[in-house]
């Protein structure tokens, strides 16, 4: 099974995302901030990361992740409530692979993961 790390400061969002990921046959992990997310990636690099953190912290996380050993491996999907082209563009330039708008559901996440080849 593939491993997906959910990085979000909202415990509720992490739990909902982890439930969906389990239904999609992923082994989910959780991190409430970028520091613990990077530590988690260093311990075991995931196959995918759902990332929703403040803009500057998220960009720093992506850049730092990509510098780690095997840090180019995970698919990073930015989760955002904004359809802000600049924010999404900056994240993609920093190394994010794709994005999904919140609120997302099982169908939306399954479609996105299928599009990028995770399922």
Protein backbone atom coordinates (compact mmCIF):
# COMPACT_ATOMS: atom_id res chain seq x y z
CA UNK A 1 0.00 0.00 0.00
CA UNK A 2 1.09 3.55 -0.67
CA UNK A 3 1.68 6.00 2.16
CA UNK A 4 0.22 9.53 2.15
CA UNK A 5 1.10 12.19 4.71
CA UNK A 6 -1.62 14.74 5.49
CA UNK A 7 -0.18 18.08 6.65
CA UNK A 8 -2.82 20.42 8.03
CA UNK A 9 -3.14 22.45 11.21
CA UNK A 10 -6.79 21.37 11.54
CA UNK A 11 -7.19 18.07 13.36
CA UNK A 12 -10.66 17.65 11.81
CA UNK A 13 -9.35 18.06 8.26
CA UNK A 14 -6.53 15.60 8.96
CA UNK A 15 -9.00 13.01 10.28
CA UNK A 16 -11.37 13.45 7.34
CA UNK A 17 -8.52 13.23 4.82
CA UNK A 18 -7.08 10.16 6.54
CA UNK A 19 -10.49 8.47 6.41
CA UNK A 20 -10.76 9.14 2.69
CA UNK A 21 -7.20 7.95 2.09
CA UNK A 22 -7.90 4.71 3.95
CA UNK A 23 -10.91 4.13 1.67
CA UNK A 24 -8.59 4.71 -1.30
CA UNK A 25 -6.24 2.02 0.05
CA UNK A 26 -3.51 4.34 1.31
CA UNK A 27 -1.77 4.13 4.64
CA UNK A 28 -2.30 7.66 5.96
CA UNK A 29 -0.06 9.64 8.27
CA UNK A 30 -0.63 13.00 9.92
CA UNK A 31 1.38 16.10 10.72
CA UNK A 32 0.00 19.33 12.15
CA UNK A 33 2.87 21.53 10.98
CA UNK A 34 5.76 21.57 8.53
CA UNK A 35 8.39 20.81 11.15
CA UNK A 36 6.74 17.56 12.21
CA UNK A 37 5.96 16.80 8.55
CA UNK A 38 9.62 17.09 7.59
CA UNK A 39 10.60 14.89 10.55
CA UNK A 40 8.04 12.32 9.42
CA UNK A 41 9.41 12.41 5.87
CA UNK A 42 12.94 11.91 7.16
CA UNK A 43 11.80 8.86 9.12
CA UNK A 44 9.85 7.37 6.20
CA UNK A 45 9.42 9.15 2.90
CA UNK A 46 5.76 8.96 1.83
CA UNK A 47 4.49 8.35 -1.68
CA UNK A 48 2.26 11.43 -1.50
CA UNK A 49 1.71 14.49 0.66
CA UNK A 50 -1.51 16.50 1.01
CA UNK A 51 -0.25 19.91 2.11
CA UNK A 52 -2.28 22.76 3.56
CA UNK A 53 -0.20 25.19 5.54
CA UNK A 54 0.35 28.96 5.43
CA UNK A 55 1.91 30.08 2.17
CA UNK A 56 5.47 30.84 3.27
CA UNK A 57 5.72 27.79 5.54
CA UNK A 58 4.32 25.58 2.79
CA UNK A 59 6.78 26.88 0.21
CA UNK A 60 9.67 26.41 2.63
CA UNK A 61 8.47 22.89 3.42
CA UNK A 62 8.31 21.92 -0.26
CA UNK A 63 11.78 23.34 -0.94
CA UNK A 64 13.25 21.61 2.12
CA UNK A 65 11.52 18.33 1.25
CA UNK A 66 12.93 18.36 -2.26
CA UNK A 67 16.47 18.73 -0.81
CA UNK A 68 16.08 15.63 1.36
CA UNK A 69 17.33 12.20 0.35
CA UNK A 70 14.53 10.77 -1.85
CA UNK A 71 12.69 14.08 -1.40
CA UNK A 72 11.94 14.17 -5.10
CA UNK A 73 9.88 10.99 -4.73
CA UNK A 74 6.63 12.13 -3.04
CA UNK A 75 3.84 13.64 -5.07
CA UNK A 76 2.96 16.89 -3.29
CA UNK A 77 -0.64 18.00 -3.64
CA UNK A 78 -1.41 21.47 -2.30
CA UNK A 79 -4.81 21.72 -0.58
CA UNK A 80 -6.20 25.21 -0.68
CA UNK A 81 -9.45 27.03 -0.07
CA UNK A 82 -8.46 29.69 -2.55
CA UNK A 83 -8.43 29.49 -6.29
CA UNK A 84 -5.52 31.93 -6.14
CA UNK A 85 -3.49 31.42 -9.30
CA UNK A 86 -0.45 33.20 -7.85
CA UNK A 87 -0.38 31.04 -4.71
CA UNK A 88 -0.80 27.86 -6.72
CA UNK A 89 1.85 28.96 -9.21
CA UNK A 90 4.33 29.73 -6.43
CA UNK A 91 3.75 26.31 -4.87
CA UNK A 92 4.22 24.59 -8.23
CA UNK A 93 7.44 26.54 -8.80
CA UNK A 94 8.65 25.47 -5.35
CA UNK A 95 8.08 21.81 -6.25
CA UNK A 96 4.41 20.97 -5.66
CA UNK A 97 3.01 18.59 -8.24
CA UNK A 98 -0.67 19.52 -8.24
CA UNK A 99 -3.43 21.03 -6.14
CA UNK A 100 -6.95 20.33 -4.95
CA UNK A 101 -9.49 22.85 -3.70
CA UNK A 102 -11.09 22.55 -0.28
CA UNK A 103 -13.52 21.32 0.68
CA UNK A 104 -12.66 18.07 -1.07
CA UNK A 105 -14.46 14.76 -0.87
CA UNK A 106 -13.62 11.16 -1.68
CA UNK A 107 -14.55 11.52 -5.35
CA UNK A 108 -12.50 14.67 -5.85
CA UNK A 109 -9.44 13.17 -4.15
CA UNK A 110 -9.79 9.89 -6.04
CA UNK A 111 -10.04 11.76 -9.35
CA UNK A 112 -7.01 13.91 -8.54
CA UNK A 113 -4.92 10.93 -7.41
CA UNK A 114 -5.92 9.02 -10.55
CA UNK A 115 -4.95 11.99 -12.76
CA UNK A 116 -1.47 12.14 -11.26
CA UNK A 117 -0.97 8.38 -11.27
CA UNK A 118 -1.20 7.57 -7.57
CA UNK A 119 -4.15 5.19 -8.03
